[in-house]
Protein backbone atom coordinates (compact mmCIF):
# COMPACT_ATOMS: atom_id res chain seq x y z
CA MET A 1 -9.85 -30.56 -27.70
CA HIS A 2 -9.17 -26.95 -28.33
CA ILE A 3 -6.21 -24.71 -27.48
CA SER A 4 -6.17 -21.03 -28.14
CA LEU A 5 -3.92 -18.06 -27.43
CA HIS A 6 -5.19 -14.54 -26.83
CA ILE A 7 -2.96 -11.41 -26.92
CA HIS A 8 -4.34 -8.90 -24.38
CA GLY A 9 -1.25 -6.61 -24.11
CA ALA A 10 2.14 -5.64 -25.43
CA ALA A 11 0.85 -5.85 -29.02
CA GLY A 12 2.17 -3.01 -31.20
CA THR A 13 3.38 -1.41 -28.00
CA VAL A 14 5.95 -2.17 -25.30
CA THR A 15 3.74 -2.25 -22.22
CA GLY A 16 0.72 -4.09 -20.79
CA SER A 17 2.14 -7.60 -21.25
CA CYS A 18 -0.74 -10.15 -20.88
CA TYR A 19 -1.24 -13.40 -22.76
CA ARG A 20 -4.18 -15.76 -22.09
CA LEU A 21 -3.81 -19.46 -22.94
CA VAL A 22 -7.06 -21.57 -23.20
CA THR A 23 -6.31 -25.29 -22.67
CA PRO A 24 -8.42 -28.40 -21.98
CA GLY A 25 -7.25 -28.17 -18.33
CA GLY A 26 -8.27 -24.63 -17.86
CA ASP A 27 -7.30 -20.97 -18.64
CA LEU A 28 -4.05 -19.31 -17.53
CA LEU A 29 -2.35 -16.01 -17.97
CA VAL A 30 1.22 -15.22 -18.66
CA ASP A 31 1.78 -11.77 -17.12
CA CYS A 32 -0.81 -9.23 -16.10
CA GLY A 33 0.83 -5.92 -16.86
CA MET A 34 -0.15 -2.26 -16.74
CA PHE A 35 -0.20 -0.19 -19.85
CA GLN A 36 2.08 2.92 -19.86
CA GLY A 37 2.51 5.73 -22.32
CA PRO A 38 -0.10 8.05 -23.83
CA LYS A 39 -3.20 8.60 -21.79
CA SER A 40 -5.41 6.83 -24.35
CA LEU A 41 -3.36 3.69 -23.94
CA ARG A 42 -3.28 4.09 -20.13
CA SER A 43 -7.07 4.26 -20.19
CA LEU A 44 -7.12 0.46 -20.82
CA ASN A 45 -5.96 0.01 -17.29
CA TYR A 46 -9.32 1.29 -15.99
CA ARG A 47 -11.48 -0.84 -18.31
CA HIS A 48 -12.81 -4.32 -17.65
CA PHE A 49 -10.62 -7.25 -18.57
CA PRO A 50 -11.54 -8.83 -21.93
CA PHE A 51 -12.24 -12.07 -20.06
CA GLU A 52 -13.78 -13.11 -16.76
CA ALA A 53 -11.08 -13.05 -14.03
CA SER A 54 -12.85 -15.85 -12.16
CA THR A 55 -12.26 -18.22 -15.11
CA ILE A 56 -8.44 -17.83 -14.86
CA GLU A 57 -7.08 -20.73 -12.85
CA ALA A 58 -3.37 -19.86 -12.81
CA VAL A 59 -1.04 -16.96 -13.67
CA LEU A 60 2.71 -17.13 -14.44
CA LEU A 61 4.67 -13.86 -14.10
CA THR A 62 7.85 -13.43 -16.02
CA HIS A 63 9.31 -10.69 -13.78
CA ALA A 64 8.42 -7.92 -11.36
CA HIS A 65 8.25 -4.84 -13.64
CA ILE A 66 4.90 -3.11 -13.41
CA ASP A 67 4.29 -3.39 -17.18
CA HIS A 68 4.29 -7.18 -16.61
CA THR A 69 2.59 -7.39 -13.21
CA GLY A 70 0.84 -4.07 -12.44
CA LEU A 71 -2.73 -5.24 -13.04
CA PHE A 72 -2.45 -8.45 -10.97
CA PRO A 73 -4.06 -6.77 -7.98
CA LYS A 74 -6.96 -5.77 -10.21
CA LEU A 75 -7.26 -9.32 -11.43
CA ALA A 76 -7.54 -10.56 -7.81
CA VAL A 77 -10.13 -7.88 -7.01
CA ALA A 78 -12.06 -9.04 -10.10
CA GLY A 79 -12.29 -12.61 -8.86
CA PHE A 80 -9.05 -14.54 -9.56
CA ARG A 81 -8.44 -17.03 -6.77
CA GLY A 82 -5.73 -19.34 -8.13
CA LYS A 83 -1.93 -19.28 -7.70
CA ALA A 84 0.45 -16.82 -9.45
CA TRP A 85 3.69 -18.50 -10.04
CA THR A 86 6.98 -16.52 -10.36
CA THR A 87 10.52 -16.76 -9.18
CA GLU A 88 11.32 -16.33 -5.51
CA ALA A 89 13.18 -13.08 -6.18
CA SER A 90 10.32 -11.65 -8.25
CA ARG A 91 7.90 -12.63 -5.41
CA ASP A 92 10.02 -10.69 -2.93
CA LEU A 93 10.22 -7.64 -5.17
CA LEU A 94 6.48 -7.63 -5.78
CA HIS A 95 5.97 -7.58 -2.00
CA TRP A 96 7.08 -3.90 -2.33
CA LEU A 97 6.21 -3.04 -5.92
CA LEU A 98 2.50 -3.84 -6.00
CA PRO A 99 1.48 -2.01 -2.79
CA ASP A 100 3.51 0.95 -3.96
CA ALA A 101 1.64 0.84 -7.34
CA GLY A 102 -1.60 0.88 -5.40
CA ALA A 103 -0.51 3.90 -3.35
CA ILE A 104 0.39 5.73 -6.56
CA GLN A 105 -3.09 4.99 -7.92
CA GLU A 106 -4.71 6.42 -4.87
CA GLY A 107 -2.53 9.51 -4.90
CA ASP A 108 -3.07 10.17 -8.57
CA VAL A 109 -6.83 9.77 -8.24
CA ASP A 110 -6.93 11.90 -5.16
CA ARG A 111 -5.30 14.83 -7.11
CA LEU A 112 -7.55 14.17 -10.07
CA ASN A 113 -10.72 14.16 -7.97
CA ARG A 114 -9.81 17.49 -6.30
CA ARG A 115 -9.45 18.92 -9.88
CA ASN A 116 -12.72 17.19 -10.97
CA SER A 117 -14.54 18.62 -7.94
CA ARG A 118 -13.52 22.18 -8.88
CA ARG A 119 -14.63 21.53 -12.43
CA GLY A 120 -17.95 19.97 -11.35
CA GLU A 121 -17.00 16.59 -12.86
CA PRO A 122 -17.77 13.27 -11.24
CA PRO A 123 -15.09 11.50 -9.09
CA VAL A 124 -13.16 8.47 -10.37
CA ALA A 125 -11.95 5.43 -8.46
CA PRO A 126 -8.32 4.09 -8.44
CA ILE A 127 -7.59 1.03 -10.51
CA TYR A 128 -6.85 -0.62 -7.14
CA THR A 129 -5.68 0.45 -3.69
CA ARG A 130 -2.68 -0.33 -1.58
CA VAL A 131 -4.86 -2.63 0.53
CA ASP A 132 -6.03 -4.46 -2.62
CA ALA A 133 -2.42 -4.93 -3.68
CA GLU A 134 -1.32 -6.25 -0.25
CA ALA A 135 -4.26 -8.72 -0.28
CA SER A 136 -3.15 -10.10 -3.75
CA LEU A 137 0.35 -10.90 -2.40
CA SER A 138 -1.06 -14.04 -0.65
CA LEU A 139 -1.72 -15.50 -4.13
CA LEU A 140 1.98 -15.37 -5.17
CA ALA A 141 3.88 -18.67 -5.19
CA GLY A 142 7.72 -18.75 -5.48
CA GLN A 143 9.26 -21.20 -7.90
CA ARG A 144 12.93 -22.03 -8.53
CA TYR A 145 14.56 -21.67 -11.83
CA ASP A 146 14.80 -24.73 -14.19
CA THR A 147 12.29 -26.85 -12.21
CA TRP A 148 9.21 -28.27 -13.92
CA PHE A 149 5.85 -27.74 -12.18
CA GLU A 150 2.22 -28.15 -13.14
CA PRO A 151 0.18 -24.94 -12.86
CA LEU A 152 -2.83 -26.67 -14.38
CA LYS A 153 -3.82 -30.21 -15.24
CA GLY A 154 -2.19 -31.07 -18.53
CA VAL A 155 0.17 -28.11 -18.45
CA ARG A 156 3.82 -28.25 -17.42
CA ALA A 157 6.05 -25.20 -17.14
CA ARG A 158 9.45 -24.15 -15.96
CA LEU A 159 11.04 -20.72 -15.37
CA ARG A 160 14.39 -20.07 -17.06
CA ASN A 161 16.73 -17.17 -16.33
CA ALA A 162 16.11 -14.28 -18.74
CA GLY A 163 19.04 -12.07 -17.61
CA HIS A 164 16.76 -8.96 -17.66
CA ILE A 165 16.45 -7.96 -13.94
CA LEU A 166 16.66 -9.82 -10.64
CA GLY A 167 14.36 -12.80 -10.78
CA SER A 168 13.41 -12.41 -14.42
CA ALA A 169 12.44 -15.45 -16.30
CA PHE A 170 11.28 -16.67 -19.74
CA ILE A 171 8.73 -19.47 -19.55
CA GLU A 172 8.92 -22.88 -21.26
CA MET A 173 5.56 -24.61 -21.29
CA GLU A 174 4.11 -27.91 -22.59
CA VAL A 175 0.44 -28.45 -23.10
CA ASP A 176 -1.00 -31.93 -23.50
CA ALA A 177 -2.40 -32.37 -26.99
CA ARG A 178 -2.51 -34.87 -29.93
CA PRO A 179 -0.57 -36.06 -31.82
CA ARG A 180 2.04 -34.55 -29.44
CA PRO A 181 2.22 -31.84 -26.73
CA VAL A 182 2.41 -28.18 -27.80
CA ARG A 183 5.59 -26.59 -26.70
CA PHE A 184 5.52 -22.77 -26.02
CA VAL A 185 8.14 -20.29 -25.07
CA PHE A 186 7.11 -16.93 -23.61
CA SER A 187 10.19 -14.72 -23.72
CA GLY A 188 9.20 -12.13 -21.19
CA ASP A 189 11.96 -9.53 -21.45
CA ILE A 190 15.35 -10.93 -22.54
CA GLY A 191 18.37 -9.16 -21.14
CA PRO A 192 21.52 -8.31 -23.06
CA ARG A 193 24.79 -10.20 -22.81
CA GLU A 194 27.25 -9.00 -20.12
CA LYS A 195 24.63 -6.97 -18.28
CA ALA A 196 25.83 -5.07 -15.27
CA LEU A 197 24.37 -7.35 -12.48
CA GLN A 198 22.73 -10.28 -14.26
CA PRO A 199 24.17 -13.45 -15.89
CA ASP A 200 23.59 -14.00 -19.53
CA PRO A 201 20.15 -15.42 -20.45
CA SER A 202 19.72 -19.15 -20.44
CA ILE A 203 19.45 -20.93 -23.84
CA PRO A 204 15.83 -21.88 -24.63
CA ALA A 205 14.83 -25.44 -25.51
CA PRO A 206 13.22 -26.13 -28.94
CA CYS A 207 9.52 -25.25 -29.14
CA ASP A 208 6.62 -24.95 -31.55
CA ILE A 209 5.43 -21.45 -30.71
CA VAL A 210 7.38 -18.52 -29.32
CA LEU A 211 6.09 -15.19 -28.15
CA LEU A 212 9.30 -13.07 -28.60
CA GLU A 213 9.82 -9.56 -27.27
CA SER A 214 10.97 -6.98 -29.86
CA THR A 215 11.66 -3.85 -27.75
CA TYR A 216 14.94 -3.12 -29.59
CA GLY A 217 14.22 -5.49 -32.48
CA ASN A 218 15.15 -2.99 -35.16
CA ARG A 219 18.55 -1.92 -34.11
CA PRO A 220 21.84 -3.11 -32.55
CA ARG A 221 23.31 -1.03 -29.77
CA PRO A 222 26.85 -0.33 -28.64
CA ARG A 223 28.18 -3.07 -26.32
CA PRO A 224 30.68 -1.40 -24.04
CA THR A 225 32.58 -3.29 -21.42
CA GLU A 226 31.90 -2.85 -17.74
CA ALA A 227 34.81 -0.38 -17.43
CA GLU A 228 33.71 1.49 -20.50
CA ARG A 229 30.15 1.81 -19.25
CA ARG A 230 31.27 3.05 -15.83
CA THR A 231 33.66 5.53 -17.42
CA LEU A 232 30.83 7.00 -19.62
CA LEU A 233 28.65 7.41 -16.48
CA GLY A 234 31.46 9.14 -14.68
CA ARG A 235 32.08 11.45 -17.57
CA GLU A 236 28.40 12.47 -17.71
CA LEU A 237 28.29 13.06 -13.95
CA SER A 238 31.48 15.09 -13.94
CA ASP A 239 30.38 17.27 -16.81
CA ALA A 240 26.91 17.80 -15.26
CA LEU A 241 28.45 18.79 -11.91
CA LYS A 242 30.86 21.19 -13.59
CA ALA A 243 27.83 22.96 -15.07
CA GLY A 244 27.02 24.02 -11.58
CA GLY A 245 23.59 22.51 -10.89
CA ASN A 246 22.25 19.25 -9.64
CA VAL A 247 21.96 15.99 -11.67
CA ILE A 248 18.47 14.51 -11.83
CA VAL A 249 18.54 10.86 -12.78
CA PRO A 250 15.08 9.26 -13.34
CA VAL A 251 15.40 5.62 -12.33
CA PHE A 252 13.32 2.51 -12.06
CA ALA A 253 13.28 1.16 -8.53
CA VAL A 254 14.35 -2.35 -9.66
CA GLU A 255 17.71 -3.03 -11.31
CA ARG A 256 18.54 0.39 -12.78
CA THR A 257 18.87 1.96 -9.36
CA GLN A 258 21.06 -0.83 -8.10
CA GLU A 259 23.22 -0.68 -11.28
CA ILE A 260 23.79 3.01 -10.98
CA LEU A 261 24.53 2.91 -7.24
CA ASP A 262 27.03 0.13 -7.76
CA ASP A 263 28.84 2.01 -10.52
CA ILE A 264 28.88 5.30 -8.59
CA ALA A 265 30.30 3.48 -5.62
CA ARG A 266 33.14 2.13 -7.78
CA LEU A 267 33.68 5.55 -9.39
CA LYS A 268 34.14 7.04 -5.96
CA ARG A 269 36.45 4.29 -4.83
CA ASP A 270 38.56 4.70 -7.93
CA GLY A 271 38.74 8.45 -7.54
CA GLU A 272 37.03 9.14 -10.83
CA ILE A 273 34.41 11.34 -9.21
CA GLY A 274 34.68 13.29 -5.96
CA ALA A 275 32.75 12.92 -2.66
CA VAL A 276 29.57 14.17 -4.24
CA PRO A 277 26.36 13.55 -2.21
CA VAL A 278 24.04 11.01 -3.91
CA PHE A 279 20.37 11.09 -2.86
CA LEU A 280 18.19 8.06 -3.44
CA ASP A 281 14.84 9.76 -3.33
CA SER A 282 12.71 6.68 -3.53
CA PRO A 283 11.70 4.69 -0.47
CA LEU A 284 10.61 1.91 -2.90
CA ALA A 285 14.13 1.79 -4.45
CA GLY A 286 15.63 1.57 -0.98
CA ARG A 287 13.44 -1.40 -0.06
CA THR A 288 14.06 -3.21 -3.30
CA THR A 289 17.76 -2.74 -2.91
CA GLU A 290 17.40 -4.75 0.32
CA VAL A 291 15.82 -7.56 -1.72
CA PHE A 292 18.89 -7.40 -4.06
CA ARG A 293 21.12 -7.82 -0.97
CA ARG A 294 19.14 -10.87 0.10
CA HIS A 295 19.42 -12.46 -3.31
CA ARG A 296 23.06 -11.48 -4.00
CA ARG A 297 23.97 -15.06 -4.78
CA ALA A 298 21.77 -14.75 -7.91
CA LEU A 299 23.74 -11.75 -9.17
CA ASP A 300 26.66 -12.03 -11.56
CA ARG A 301 28.90 -10.25 -9.08
CA GLY A 302 29.26 -13.29 -6.74
CA PRO A 303 28.13 -13.64 -3.14
CA ASP A 304 31.02 -11.97 -1.47
CA ARG A 305 31.52 -8.77 -3.49
CA PRO A 306 30.24 -5.52 -1.95
CA ALA A 307 27.38 -3.97 -3.93
CA PHE A 308 25.26 -0.77 -3.59
CA THR A 309 27.45 0.81 -0.97
CA GLY A 310 30.14 3.49 -1.16
CA GLY A 311 29.44 6.11 1.45
CA ASP A 312 27.60 9.36 1.09
CA PHE A 313 24.52 7.61 -0.31
CA ARG A 314 21.46 9.06 1.46
CA LEU A 315 18.14 7.28 1.30
CA ILE A 316 15.33 9.77 1.37
CA GLU A 317 12.27 8.33 3.12
CA THR A 318 9.85 11.19 3.92
CA VAL A 319 8.18 13.81 1.85
CA GLU A 320 9.72 16.49 4.05
CA GLN A 321 13.16 15.10 3.36
CA SER A 322 12.40 15.12 -0.42
CA LYS A 323 11.31 18.67 -0.27
CA ALA A 324 14.51 19.62 1.55
CA ILE A 325 16.55 18.29 -1.38
CA GLY A 326 14.68 20.73 -3.58
CA ARG A 327 16.46 23.52 -1.67
CA ILE A 328 19.82 22.26 -2.80
CA HIS A 329 20.61 24.02 -6.06
CA GLY A 330 23.96 22.57 -7.01
CA GLY A 331 26.55 19.84 -6.48
CA ALA A 332 24.26 16.83 -5.89
CA VAL A 333 23.17 13.64 -7.73
CA ILE A 334 19.45 12.85 -7.22
CA LEU A 335 18.20 9.48 -8.23
CA ALA A 336 14.45 9.52 -8.12
CA GLY A 337 11.49 7.40 -9.47
CA SER A 338 9.85 6.79 -11.74
CA GLY A 339 12.11 5.92 -14.62
CA MET A 340 9.72 7.26 -17.30
CA CYS A 341 8.83 10.40 -15.24
CA GLU A 342 5.18 9.39 -15.16
CA ALA A 343 4.71 9.33 -11.31
CA GLY A 344 6.56 9.64 -8.10
CA ARG A 345 8.97 12.18 -6.71
CA VAL A 346 11.01 12.68 -9.92
CA LYS A 347 8.16 14.92 -11.22
CA HIS A 348 8.71 17.36 -8.30
CA HIS A 349 12.49 17.46 -8.95
CA LEU A 350 11.86 18.07 -12.64
CA LYS A 351 9.62 21.05 -11.73
CA ASP A 352 12.47 22.36 -9.61
CA HIS A 353 15.22 21.86 -12.15
CA LEU A 354 14.02 21.75 -15.72
CA TRP A 355 13.95 25.52 -16.04
CA ARG A 356 17.48 25.92 -14.65
CA PRO A 357 20.18 26.05 -17.37
CA ASP A 358 22.92 24.72 -15.00
CA SER A 359 20.85 21.64 -14.04
CA THR A 360 21.14 18.28 -15.87
CA VAL A 361 18.56 15.55 -16.42
CA LEU A 362 20.34 12.33 -17.24
CA PHE A 363 18.24 9.51 -18.74
CA VAL A 364 19.57 6.00 -18.24
CA GLY A 365 16.59 3.87 -19.38
CA TYR A 366 13.93 3.32 -21.93
CA GLN A 367 11.27 6.05 -22.30
CA ALA A 368 8.01 4.74 -23.72
CA PRO A 369 6.42 6.99 -26.38
CA GLY A 370 4.13 9.57 -25.06
CA THR A 371 5.53 9.55 -21.54
CA LEU A 372 6.86 12.71 -19.87
CA GLY A 373 10.37 11.29 -20.01
CA ALA A 374 10.12 10.70 -23.78
CA LEU A 375 8.83 14.21 -24.34
CA ILE A 376 11.77 15.75 -22.41
CA ARG A 377 14.42 13.41 -23.90
CA ASP A 378 13.16 14.10 -27.46
CA GLY A 379 13.62 17.84 -27.07
CA ALA A 380 10.33 19.41 -25.95
CA ALA A 381 10.82 23.08 -25.25
CA ARG A 382 8.06 23.18 -22.70
CA VAL A 383 6.20 20.50 -20.70
CA ARG A 384 3.27 20.47 -18.30
CA ILE A 385 3.87 18.90 -14.83
CA HIS A 386 1.04 18.85 -12.23
CA GLY A 387 -0.84 21.31 -14.41
CA GLU A 388 2.02 23.82 -14.51
CA GLU A 389 3.93 24.88 -17.61
CA ILE A 390 7.71 24.42 -17.32
CA ASN A 391 10.23 25.79 -19.82
CA VAL A 392 12.99 23.20 -20.50
CA LYS A 393 16.34 24.91 -20.14
CA ALA A 394 18.32 22.20 -18.37
CA ARG A 395 20.93 20.08 -20.04
CA ILE A 396 19.22 16.94 -21.29
CA ARG A 397 21.50 13.93 -21.62
CA ALA A 398 20.92 10.19 -22.21
CA ILE A 399 23.14 7.10 -22.15
CA ASP A 400 21.93 3.70 -23.41
CA THR A 401 24.51 1.47 -21.81
CA TYR A 402 22.28 0.33 -18.90
CA SER A 403 19.50 -1.09 -21.03
CA GLY A 404 17.83 -4.23 -19.61
CA HIS A 405 16.83 -5.47 -23.11
CA ALA A 406 18.66 -7.47 -25.70
CA ASP A 407 19.17 -5.66 -28.98
CA ARG A 408 18.24 -7.02 -32.43
CA ASP A 409 21.34 -9.20 -32.89
CA GLU A 410 21.12 -10.56 -29.38
CA LEU A 411 17.49 -11.40 -29.72
CA VAL A 412 18.25 -13.32 -32.94
CA GLU A 413 21.04 -15.23 -31.29
CA TRP A 414 18.86 -16.06 -28.30
CA ALA A 415 16.06 -17.33 -30.58
CA ARG A 416 18.32 -19.23 -32.98
CA PRO A 417 18.02 -22.60 -31.20
CA LEU A 418 14.23 -22.33 -31.68
CA LEU A 419 14.21 -21.67 -35.46
CA PRO A 420 14.51 -25.28 -36.75
CA THR A 421 11.27 -26.50 -34.97
CA LEU A 422 9.21 -23.32 -34.93
CA GLY A 423 5.68 -23.35 -36.41
CA SER A 424 4.92 -19.73 -35.30
CA ALA A 425 6.82 -16.77 -33.93
CA LEU A 426 4.60 -14.01 -32.48
CA LEU A 427 6.55 -10.79 -32.27
CA VAL A 428 5.25 -8.86 -29.24
CA HIS A 429 6.35 -6.26 -26.73
CA GLY A 430 7.60 -3.71 -29.29
CA GLU A 431 6.53 -0.82 -31.49
CA PRO A 432 5.65 -1.73 -35.06
CA ASP A 433 9.01 -0.56 -36.47
CA ALA A 434 10.86 -2.60 -33.90
CA ALA A 435 8.85 -5.74 -34.53
CA GLN A 436 9.24 -5.36 -38.28
CA GLY A 437 12.96 -4.93 -37.88
CA LEU A 438 13.21 -8.09 -35.85
CA SER A 439 11.07 -9.93 -38.41
CA GLU A 440 13.64 -9.02 -41.14
CA ALA A 441 16.45 -10.14 -38.98
CA LEU A 442 14.84 -13.41 -38.22
CA PHE A 443 14.22 -13.97 -41.89
CA ALA A 444 17.83 -13.37 -42.62
CA ALA A 445 18.60 -15.98 -39.96
CA GLY A 446 16.44 -18.56 -41.78
CA LEU A 447 12.93 -18.28 -40.46
CA ASP A 448 10.23 -18.35 -43.07
CA ARG A 449 8.21 -15.13 -43.28
CA SER A 450 4.95 -17.09 -43.24
CA PHE A 451 5.84 -18.34 -39.73
CA MET A 452 6.01 -14.79 -38.26
CA THR A 453 3.12 -12.67 -36.99
CA MET A 454 2.91 -9.28 -35.37
CA PRO A 455 -0.31 -9.62 -33.30
CA GLU A 456 -2.73 -6.90 -32.64
CA LEU A 457 -4.40 -6.04 -29.28
CA ASP A 458 -6.91 -8.79 -28.21
CA GLN A 459 -6.13 -10.88 -31.34
CA ALA A 460 -6.84 -14.55 -30.83
CA PHE A 461 -5.11 -17.58 -32.35
CA ASP A 462 -6.19 -21.17 -32.61
CA ILE A 463 -3.42 -23.62 -32.05
CA GLU A 464 -3.58 -26.16 -34.98
CA PHE A 465 -1.40 -29.06 -36.11
CA HIS A 466 -0.45 -29.42 -39.76
CA ASP A 467 2.71 -30.09 -41.81
CA ASP A 468 4.16 -31.91 -38.78
CA ARG A 469 4.14 -28.71 -36.74
CA TRP A 470 1.96 -26.82 -34.30
CA HIS A 471 0.99 -23.32 -35.58
CA ALA A 472 -0.78 -20.31 -34.14
CA VAL A 473 -3.53 -19.48 -36.72
CA PRO A 474 -5.52 -16.28 -36.48
CA SER A 475 -8.98 -17.07 -35.17
CA GLN A 476 -12.09 -16.10 -37.16
CA THR A 477 -14.22 -15.75 -33.99
CA ALA A 478 -12.05 -13.29 -32.01
CA ALA A 479 -13.76 -10.64 -29.86
CA VAL A 480 -13.76 -6.97 -30.88
CA PRO A 481 -10.45 -5.40 -29.70
CA ARG A 482 -10.65 -2.82 -26.93
CA MET A 483 -8.64 -0.39 -29.08
CA PRO A 484 -7.76 -0.13 -32.77
CA ALA A 485 -4.25 -1.25 -33.64
CA ALA A 486 -3.20 2.14 -34.96
CA GLN A 487 -4.32 3.83 -31.70
CA ALA A 488 -2.64 1.22 -29.43
CA SER A 489 0.70 1.68 -31.21
CA ALA A 490 0.50 5.49 -31.55
CA GLN A 491 3.52 7.22 -29.99
CA ARG A 492 1.37 10.28 -29.22
CA ASP A 493 -2.33 10.81 -28.71
CA TRP A 494 -4.67 13.77 -28.59
CA HIS A 495 -3.87 14.30 -24.92
CA ASN A 496 -0.20 14.93 -25.82
CA ASP A 497 -1.19 17.22 -28.69
CA TYR A 498 -3.68 19.07 -26.48
CA ALA A 499 -0.99 19.75 -23.87
CA ALA A 500 1.47 20.92 -26.63
CA ALA A 501 -1.23 23.16 -28.15
CA LEU A 502 -1.84 24.89 -24.79
CA LEU A 503 1.82 25.53 -24.42
CA ASP A 504 2.12 26.80 -28.00
CA LEU A 505 -0.95 29.12 -27.54
CA ARG A 506 0.52 30.56 -24.35
CA SER A 507 3.90 31.09 -25.99
CA ALA A 508 2.28 32.75 -29.05
CA LEU A 509 0.27 35.11 -26.84
CA GLN A 510 3.43 36.06 -24.93
CA GLN A 511 5.29 36.82 -28.09
CA GLU A 512 2.70 39.16 -29.52
CA SER A 513 3.63 42.83 -29.36
CA ASP A 514 0.44 44.14 -27.71
CA ASP A 515 -2.88 43.15 -26.16
CA ARG A 516 -4.78 43.98 -29.29
CA ARG A 517 -2.90 41.36 -31.30
CA ARG A 518 -3.25 38.91 -28.45
CA GLN A 519 -7.05 39.44 -28.55
CA GLN A 520 -7.03 38.94 -32.30
CA LEU A 521 -5.27 35.63 -31.92
CA LEU A 522 -7.75 34.46 -29.30
CA ASN A 523 -10.63 35.50 -31.50
CA GLU A 524 -9.23 33.45 -34.35
CA VAL A 525 -8.97 30.40 -32.06
CA ARG A 526 -12.54 30.99 -30.90
CA ARG A 527 -13.84 31.23 -34.48
CA LEU A 528 -12.14 27.90 -35.33
CA ILE A 529 -13.70 26.27 -32.33
CA ASP A 530 -17.15 27.70 -33.14
CA SER A 531 -16.99 26.59 -36.79
CA HIS A 532 -15.97 23.12 -35.54
CA ARG A 533 -18.99 23.03 -33.24
CA VAL A 534 -21.31 23.97 -36.12
CA GLY A 535 -19.75 21.29 -38.23
CA VAL A 536 -20.26 18.68 -35.53
CA GLY A 537 -23.81 19.79 -34.96
CA ASN A 538 -24.68 19.61 -38.72
CA GLY A 539 -22.99 16.23 -38.94
CA SER A 540 -25.11 14.99 -36.01
CA LYS A 541 -28.27 16.33 -37.67
CA ARG A 542 -27.33 14.63 -40.95
CA GLU A 543 -26.71 11.33 -39.12
CA THR A 544 -29.97 11.65 -37.35
CA MET A 545 -31.88 12.38 -40.63
CA MET A 546 -30.18 9.36 -42.26
CA SER A 547 -31.05 7.04 -39.41
CA ARG A 548 -34.66 8.15 -39.52
CA SER A 549 -34.81 7.61 -43.33
């Protein structure tokens, strides 16, 4: 009898959550998420899975966010034919999120292929299409919270409320083994206490092995009350509108949009902001808001309390309507997807507004390293959007009171009931500094350092019993990882630096006093490139001679 655990995502990075558990009763996945961030990391989405999809007999999805579910249609296309278990609310959200993700793939690839055609480069195919995503929906199975079920023979599981977004869950699992079953907890994403719309996370039962997210594992965050959070948002919106321009708010279609809409509605009702028009430029966010309405009894606001309404909210459906908003140059709040500015209509609004000093971009969510949102938030003077160079002159603001993730202290408190029985804690879903910070906090809470591991991408662990505990022991027969650990966790890659270098070169050329000096600068760049080519050529020759010898 052999049980092993394989870490295929969210290792040294926040996105791409995917864990494969090999049991005597078959193989299952927990999550099948898409990588987001630098292009090098996103390239993993296009590569083959490091396992045969047809050998996976069941999938358990912790929640609907694309970094936890976005490659599920690809898994189905590759041959998965089992059930994918998730909460009923997550299933209903995925009914909209996955086809939308497929449409985004098709749109992005269409633009890229037009560019490749002009460059004489071969076309590329999308990761999957909208049709592929729609077909995968038939594999989803809804499951209630706190109810044990058997996804595989010899495996019992139940979904517990994680307090992160609507329908989010952490997973408790038992796998038959000797001398006793192995108890796992997969945290998914744990929400903070007193979140805007969600109840506090449930308390986990004791286990042997926990996979614990560490997104904010190295820092505590301010914990404002509901009124304080709403007042902060109102102040930011008021100041932005006084500056004269529009307010662009990049939002995620699930949870963040609904939280912001609910708070703006209350700010209007209480007279803290005027009758400003609020545009929700995301058909997806409009549809997911309807899912929130259907599942209102699951929200912390109670079944009878109005939510997501307040007058003067305008859902923008068509591209023509979205373009019309671009002709409004002041006095409006525009909520647009995506939250990290990597796709969707928000990129068009950023092109329209980043260069305007009276406009404001207000970030209200996490920005993964290497994303356009992170570059803007961190102070980039210029960015490239759809191949165009844009000077950043707008007011850039950020508030962290809407985070869907528990901070360091909340993660430790959530995990505290697990510490007495743990054999292994695998710190995942976080950048290296965040995971290391959580490791130190767990040690201070009483967990032995030898019980903690920060896995690398595609690392495998054998589940072994000794010292009266089950442990996750690094396997000596693991496959070669798809990407080195340092590259997987890098906050920037050469694509980011290439874009920055192009912008810097253009700026340097513009600042030169005359064409002669501009030509000298270009000649220096060419000499550097030519010398590099010679060096590469000589290196190749040396390698060829050494291989022949």
